[in-house]
Amino acid sequence: MADDGRPRMVVTGGAGFIGRRLVRALVDQGAEVTVADKRPYQGGSVRMVLGDLGDPAVAASAVAPGTDVIVHLAAATSVVESIADPARSYQENVAITASLLELARTRGVRAFVFASTNAVVGNAGKAVITEQAPLRPMSPYGATKAACEMLVSAYTACYDIAGCSLRFSNVYGPGMQAKDSFIPRLMRAAAAGTGVQVRGDGSMLRDVVHVDDIVAGILTAWRAGHTGPLILGSGQSVSVSEMVEAARLVTGRPIPAQQVPVGPGEMPAVIVDISAARALGYNPQYDLKAGLATVWPEFSEAAK
C-alpha cells in the first residue's frame, strides 16, 4: 500500500482497449496506478512504464517494490496470428506472464489478476461452459492462455499470491476503432456503407460482453480476493446473424452480409455460465443493442 493507504497497482496493457477504461476506473477510485505498455497512456494521473514487457528491465521497472496487485491484460490476442506464428504467441503470452509472476513472487505482490479467455476450453459444442470445463484449446492462442492459467494456479498454491484467471468472453465497447474483431467490422461497414463477411451460415453463437461490464468484473473479482478461474461474460449468447441485425437496427444502415467459409480454430458456439461471478456481485448491465449504441457514435463521427 502507498503511505496514504491507497493500493499500488500495475496494469499491463493499460493503454489498450480494456486497459484504458480499467485504469480510469482505478484512478477514479483512488488507486495508485502504474501502466506498463508499448504505447503511452493518454490520461495522466498514472506512472507510465513504456516498453516491451519481454525486456526484463521493463518488467522489473513496472513491478516496483511495494506493488500490491498486478492486473495482466497485455497479450497477443489474435487467434489467426497465433496460428500463423505460434512461437510469437508463446513468447508474448506465456513467457511474459511467467516473468511477471516471478516478479510478483520475489517482490511480495499479494494479488495477480490475469486476463484469460473462454478459448482455453475449446470446442464445447453447444454445452454451457463453466469454470469446471476441461481445458482443450483449439488454437495456439487458447493454448497459451491455458498455460498461463496453470502458472497462475501454481504460484497461488506455492507462494500465497491471490491468483485469479478471468475468462473473458468477446469484449466490445467504445474505443474499438483499431480492433479487427466482428463488432468493429460491423461498425466500419455501417459507417462506410459497405458489407461484412460472415463465417459460415451466421448461426455461430457468441457471448459478447461490454467493456464496462468487464471492468466491473475485474474490480469485483479483485476486491473479493477470488482465486482460480472465473468466467466474465454477458451470460446471453447471440448468433452472428443476430449481431448483424442488431447493428442494422442501431446504425440504421443495411450492412449486407456475405457468407464465407469457417476458418480453423473457430468454435460453433460459446455459451457461458456466469453464476460464479454473479455470486461475487458481478452484474452485467448491457444487452447487445444498448451496448452497440455506445460504440456506434465513434465510428459514425469518424466517417464524417
Protein backbone atom coordinates (compact mmCIF):
# COMPACT_ATOMS: atom_id res chain seq x y z
CA MET A 1 0.00 0.00 0.00
CA ALA A 2 1.04 3.61 -0.52
CA ASP A 3 1.69 5.70 2.59
CA ASP A 4 -1.83 7.09 2.33
CA GLY A 5 -3.38 3.60 2.23
CA ARG A 6 -4.09 3.53 -1.50
CA PRO A 7 -3.42 0.19 -3.26
CA ARG A 8 -0.41 0.20 -5.57
CA MET A 9 -1.48 -1.46 -8.80
CA VAL A 10 0.24 -2.34 -12.06
CA VAL A 11 -1.93 -2.66 -15.16
CA THR A 12 -0.12 -4.23 -18.11
CA GLY A 13 -1.68 -3.26 -21.41
CA GLY A 14 -3.14 -0.26 -19.61
CA ALA A 15 -3.07 1.84 -22.79
CA GLY A 16 -5.18 -0.73 -24.65
CA PHE A 17 -8.90 -1.08 -25.24
CA ILE A 18 -9.85 -2.67 -21.90
CA GLY A 19 -6.87 -1.26 -20.03
CA ARG A 20 -7.71 2.40 -20.62
CA ARG A 21 -11.15 2.05 -19.08
CA LEU A 22 -9.87 -0.07 -16.19
CA VAL A 23 -7.11 2.44 -15.39
CA ARG A 24 -9.59 5.32 -15.40
CA ALA A 25 -11.84 3.41 -13.02
CA LEU A 26 -8.94 2.60 -10.69
CA VAL A 27 -7.68 6.18 -10.64
CA ASP A 28 -11.21 7.49 -10.02
CA GLN A 29 -11.43 5.13 -7.05
CA GLY A 30 -8.14 6.31 -5.57
CA ALA A 31 -5.65 3.61 -6.56
CA GLU A 32 -2.01 4.42 -7.27
CA VAL A 33 -1.60 3.01 -10.78
CA THR A 34 1.40 2.10 -12.92
CA VAL A 35 0.64 1.47 -16.60
CA ALA A 36 3.03 -0.81 -18.48
CA ASP A 37 2.52 -0.78 -22.23
CA LYS A 38 4.27 -0.40 -25.58
CA ARG A 39 2.08 2.65 -26.18
CA PRO A 40 1.78 5.70 -23.93
CA TYR A 41 -1.31 6.04 -21.76
CA GLN A 42 -3.19 9.20 -22.69
CA GLY A 43 -4.79 10.05 -19.40
CA GLY A 44 -2.37 11.37 -16.81
CA SER A 45 -2.55 10.61 -13.08
CA VAL A 46 -0.53 7.41 -13.53
CA ARG A 47 3.07 6.27 -13.51
CA MET A 48 3.95 5.17 -17.07
CA VAL A 49 6.49 2.46 -17.93
CA LEU A 50 6.84 2.49 -21.71
CA GLY A 51 8.32 -0.55 -23.40
CA ASP A 52 8.11 -4.26 -24.16
CA LEU A 53 7.46 -6.44 -21.12
CA GLY A 54 9.58 -9.09 -22.81
CA ASP A 55 12.54 -6.91 -21.79
CA PRO A 56 13.39 -7.90 -18.19
CA ALA A 57 14.39 -4.32 -17.37
CA VAL A 58 10.98 -3.01 -18.46
CA ALA A 59 9.11 -5.65 -16.45
CA ALA A 60 11.27 -5.01 -13.38
CA SER A 61 10.66 -1.28 -13.64
CA ALA A 62 6.91 -1.81 -13.91
CA VAL A 63 6.65 -4.12 -10.89
CA ALA A 64 8.40 -1.86 -8.41
CA PRO A 65 8.92 -2.95 -4.79
CA GLY A 66 5.76 -2.21 -2.83
CA THR A 67 3.38 -3.22 -5.63
CA ASP A 68 0.20 -4.76 -4.20
CA VAL A 69 -1.63 -6.00 -7.31
CA ILE A 70 -0.77 -6.84 -10.91
CA VAL A 71 -3.61 -6.85 -13.44
CA HIS A 72 -2.11 -8.52 -16.50
CA LEU A 73 -4.07 -7.56 -19.63
CA ALA A 74 -1.21 -7.28 -22.15
CA ALA A 75 -1.17 -10.16 -24.63
CA ALA A 76 -1.08 -11.25 -28.25
CA THR A 77 -4.81 -11.81 -28.75
CA SER A 78 -5.32 -12.76 -32.41
CA VAL A 79 -6.29 -16.40 -32.99
CA VAL A 80 -5.38 -16.10 -36.67
CA GLU A 81 -1.94 -14.64 -35.93
CA SER A 82 -1.30 -17.30 -33.30
CA ILE A 83 -1.92 -20.00 -35.91
CA ALA A 84 0.48 -18.28 -38.33
CA ASP A 85 3.18 -17.70 -35.67
CA PRO A 86 2.70 -19.86 -32.57
CA ALA A 87 6.21 -19.19 -31.27
CA ARG A 88 5.49 -15.47 -31.06
CA SER A 89 2.24 -16.15 -29.18
CA TYR A 90 4.21 -18.25 -26.68
CA GLN A 91 6.79 -15.52 -26.10
CA GLU A 92 4.26 -12.70 -25.77
CA ASN A 93 1.80 -14.62 -23.62
CA VAL A 94 3.42 -17.46 -21.67
CA ALA A 95 6.97 -16.19 -21.27
CA ILE A 96 5.93 -12.67 -20.22
CA THR A 97 3.29 -13.98 -17.82
CA ALA A 98 5.89 -16.27 -16.23
CA SER A 99 8.31 -13.37 -15.76
CA LEU A 100 5.61 -11.20 -14.16
CA LEU A 101 4.61 -13.99 -11.79
CA GLU A 102 8.23 -14.40 -10.75
CA LEU A 103 8.47 -10.67 -10.08
CA ALA A 104 5.26 -10.96 -8.06
CA ARG A 105 6.86 -13.76 -6.00
CA THR A 106 10.17 -12.01 -5.36
CA ARG A 107 8.65 -8.59 -4.67
CA GLY A 108 5.82 -9.63 -2.39
CA VAL A 109 2.90 -8.79 -4.68
CA ARG A 110 -0.25 -10.00 -2.98
CA ALA A 111 -2.63 -10.44 -5.93
CA PHE A 112 -2.27 -11.31 -9.62
CA VAL A 113 -5.32 -10.87 -11.87
CA PHE A 114 -4.83 -12.48 -15.27
CA ALA A 115 -6.90 -11.80 -18.40
CA SER A 116 -7.72 -15.21 -19.83
CA THR A 117 -10.37 -16.37 -22.28
CA ASN A 118 -13.04 -18.99 -22.71
CA ALA A 119 -10.96 -20.20 -25.68
CA VAL A 120 -9.00 -22.29 -23.15
CA VAL A 121 -11.95 -24.71 -23.15
CA GLY A 122 -12.01 -25.18 -26.91
CA ASN A 123 -14.98 -26.67 -28.70
CA ALA A 124 -17.71 -27.40 -26.17
CA GLY A 125 -20.35 -27.70 -28.88
CA LYS A 126 -23.49 -26.07 -27.56
CA ALA A 127 -22.86 -27.15 -23.98
CA VAL A 128 -22.82 -24.45 -21.32
CA ILE A 129 -19.23 -23.68 -20.30
CA THR A 130 -18.44 -23.47 -16.59
CA GLU A 131 -15.19 -22.96 -14.70
CA GLN A 132 -15.01 -26.76 -14.26
CA ALA A 133 -14.87 -27.49 -18.01
CA PRO A 134 -11.72 -29.37 -19.10
CA LEU A 135 -9.12 -27.32 -20.98
CA ARG A 136 -8.88 -28.40 -24.62
CA PRO A 137 -7.82 -25.30 -26.59
CA MET A 138 -8.16 -25.38 -30.38
CA SER A 139 -5.57 -22.72 -31.26
CA PRO A 140 -2.10 -21.69 -30.12
CA TYR A 141 -3.71 -18.56 -28.66
CA GLY A 142 -6.05 -20.64 -26.49
CA ALA A 143 -3.18 -22.94 -25.55
CA THR A 144 -1.01 -20.05 -24.36
CA LYS A 145 -3.80 -18.73 -22.19
CA ALA A 146 -4.37 -22.20 -20.72
CA ALA A 147 -0.65 -22.47 -19.95
CA CYS A 148 -0.74 -19.08 -18.23
CA GLU A 149 -3.71 -20.18 -16.13
CA MET A 150 -1.67 -23.17 -14.94
CA LEU A 151 1.21 -20.89 -13.98
CA VAL A 152 -1.14 -18.58 -12.06
CA SER A 153 -2.58 -21.60 -10.26
CA ALA A 154 0.88 -22.87 -9.30
CA TYR A 155 2.04 -19.51 -7.95
CA THR A 156 -1.19 -19.21 -5.98
CA ALA A 157 -0.67 -22.63 -4.40
CA CYS A 158 3.05 -22.29 -3.70
CA TYR A 159 3.63 -18.62 -2.92
CA ASP A 160 0.44 -17.29 -1.31
CA ILE A 161 -0.36 -14.99 -4.23
CA ALA A 162 -4.10 -14.49 -4.79
CA GLY A 163 -4.07 -15.51 -8.45
CA CYS A 164 -7.25 -15.15 -10.46
CA SER A 165 -7.70 -16.06 -14.15
CA LEU A 166 -10.62 -14.16 -15.61
CA ARG A 167 -12.02 -15.88 -18.68
CA PHE A 168 -13.40 -13.06 -20.81
CA SER A 169 -15.99 -13.61 -23.50
CA ASN A 170 -15.86 -11.47 -26.67
CA VAL A 171 -15.40 -7.93 -25.36
CA TYR A 172 -16.71 -4.87 -27.23
CA GLY A 173 -17.39 -1.24 -26.44
CA PRO A 174 -16.17 2.32 -27.01
CA GLY A 175 -12.54 2.62 -28.06
CA MET A 176 -12.56 -0.24 -30.58
CA GLN A 177 -11.71 1.74 -33.72
CA ALA A 178 -8.36 -0.02 -34.17
CA LYS A 179 -9.71 -3.52 -33.48
CA ASP A 180 -10.46 -6.12 -36.15
CA SER A 181 -13.00 -8.27 -34.32
CA PHE A 182 -16.51 -8.71 -35.69
CA ILE A 183 -18.32 -5.84 -33.96
CA PRO A 184 -15.88 -3.11 -35.09
CA ARG A 185 -16.03 -4.60 -38.59
CA LEU A 186 -19.81 -4.21 -38.44
CA MET A 187 -19.46 -0.60 -37.31
CA ARG A 188 -16.92 0.23 -40.02
CA ALA A 189 -19.16 -1.33 -42.66
CA ALA A 190 -22.14 0.69 -41.43
CA ALA A 191 -20.13 3.92 -41.47
CA ALA A 192 -18.70 3.26 -44.94
CA GLY A 193 -21.90 1.90 -46.49
CA THR A 194 -20.28 -1.46 -47.25
CA GLY A 195 -20.94 -5.04 -46.13
CA VAL A 196 -19.35 -7.65 -43.88
CA GLN A 197 -18.19 -11.22 -44.31
CA VAL A 198 -19.94 -13.76 -42.08
CA ARG A 199 -18.10 -17.02 -41.46
CA GLY A 200 -20.45 -19.93 -42.05
CA ASP A 201 -24.21 -19.50 -42.16
CA GLY A 202 -24.39 -16.95 -39.34
CA SER A 203 -25.59 -19.45 -36.75
CA MET A 204 -22.40 -19.47 -34.67
CA LEU A 205 -23.17 -18.36 -31.12
CA ARG A 206 -21.02 -15.97 -29.14
CA ASP A 207 -21.27 -14.35 -25.72
CA VAL A 208 -20.41 -10.69 -26.32
CA VAL A 209 -19.85 -8.51 -23.28
CA HIS A 210 -19.49 -4.74 -22.92
CA VAL A 211 -16.10 -3.43 -21.84
CA ASP A 212 -17.59 -1.55 -18.89
CA ASP A 213 -19.10 -4.79 -17.62
CA ILE A 214 -15.67 -6.43 -17.92
CA VAL A 215 -14.07 -3.59 -15.95
CA ALA A 216 -16.70 -4.03 -13.25
CA GLY A 217 -16.00 -7.76 -13.22
CA ILE A 218 -12.25 -7.26 -12.83
CA LEU A 219 -12.80 -4.96 -9.88
CA THR A 220 -15.34 -7.35 -8.35
CA ALA A 221 -13.02 -10.37 -8.59
CA TRP A 222 -10.02 -8.47 -7.18
CA ARG A 223 -11.93 -6.99 -4.25
CA ALA A 224 -13.44 -10.37 -3.42
CA GLY A 225 -9.97 -11.93 -3.31
CA HIS A 226 -11.12 -14.60 -5.74
CA THR A 227 -8.59 -17.26 -6.73
CA GLY A 228 -8.76 -19.68 -9.64
CA PRO A 229 -10.68 -19.27 -12.90
CA LEU A 230 -13.74 -17.06 -13.20
CA ILE A 231 -15.90 -16.56 -16.29
CA LEU A 232 -16.87 -12.98 -17.16
CA GLY A 233 -19.41 -12.51 -19.92
CA SER A 234 -22.87 -11.17 -20.56
CA GLY A 235 -24.49 -14.53 -19.88
CA GLN A 236 -26.56 -14.10 -23.08
CA SER A 237 -25.18 -15.75 -26.22
CA VAL A 238 -26.29 -14.40 -29.59
CA SER A 239 -25.76 -15.66 -33.12
CA VAL A 240 -23.60 -13.84 -35.63
CA SER A 241 -26.75 -13.16 -37.66
CA GLU A 242 -28.34 -11.57 -34.58
CA MET A 243 -25.28 -9.34 -34.19
CA VAL A 244 -25.66 -8.19 -37.78
CA GLU A 245 -29.37 -7.47 -37.29
CA ALA A 246 -28.75 -5.59 -34.04
CA ALA A 247 -26.10 -3.47 -35.78
CA ARG A 248 -28.55 -2.68 -38.57
CA LEU A 249 -31.16 -1.53 -36.06
CA VAL A 250 -28.72 0.60 -34.04
CA THR A 251 -26.99 2.22 -37.03
CA GLY A 252 -29.94 2.43 -39.42
CA ARG A 253 -27.71 1.05 -42.17
CA PRO A 254 -28.34 -2.06 -44.34
CA ILE A 255 -24.91 -3.75 -43.79
CA PRO A 256 -25.12 -6.53 -46.41
CA ALA A 257 -23.68 -9.87 -45.20
CA GLN A 258 -21.64 -12.24 -47.39
CA GLN A 259 -21.13 -15.83 -46.20
CA VAL A 260 -17.56 -17.17 -46.29
CA PRO A 261 -16.06 -20.50 -45.12
CA VAL A 262 -15.38 -21.08 -41.44
CA GLY A 263 -11.63 -20.94 -40.69
CA PRO A 264 -9.52 -23.16 -38.43
CA GLY A 265 -9.84 -22.74 -34.68
CA GLU A 266 -13.43 -21.47 -34.83
CA MET A 267 -15.94 -22.81 -32.31
CA PRO A 268 -19.60 -23.32 -33.31
CA ALA A 269 -20.82 -21.86 -30.03
CA VAL A 270 -19.68 -20.10 -26.87
CA ILE A 271 -22.35 -20.34 -24.17
CA VAL A 272 -21.08 -19.49 -20.71
CA ASP A 273 -22.36 -19.74 -17.16
CA ILE A 274 -21.56 -16.57 -15.18
CA SER A 275 -23.23 -17.68 -11.95
CA ALA A 276 -19.90 -17.90 -10.07
CA ALA A 277 -19.14 -14.27 -10.92
CA ARG A 278 -22.70 -13.22 -10.07
CA ALA A 279 -22.25 -14.82 -6.64
CA LEU A 280 -19.38 -12.36 -6.04
CA GLY A 281 -21.56 -9.40 -7.00
CA TYR A 282 -20.90 -9.19 -10.76
CA ASN A 283 -23.97 -7.87 -12.58
CA PRO A 284 -23.56 -7.05 -16.29
CA GLN A 285 -25.59 -4.03 -17.32
CA TYR A 286 -25.59 -4.02 -21.14
CA ASP A 287 -27.62 -6.06 -23.57
CA LEU A 288 -26.36 -6.11 -27.16
CA LYS A 289 -28.43 -3.24 -28.58
CA ALA A 290 -27.68 -0.94 -25.65
CA GLY A 291 -24.01 -1.82 -25.89
CA LEU A 292 -23.80 -1.23 -29.64
CA ALA A 293 -25.41 2.17 -29.12
CA THR A 294 -22.32 3.16 -27.10
CA VAL A 295 -19.98 2.01 -29.90
CA TRP A 296 -21.65 3.45 -33.00
CA PRO A 297 -21.12 7.19 -32.31
CA GLU A 298 -17.31 6.91 -32.54
CA PHE A 299 -17.48 5.16 -35.91
CA SER A 300 -20.17 7.40 -37.35
CA GLU A 301 -18.31 10.55 -36.30
CA ALA A 302 -15.04 9.25 -37.76
CA ALA A 303 -16.76 8.70 -41.11
CA LYS A 304 -17.92 12.32 -41.42
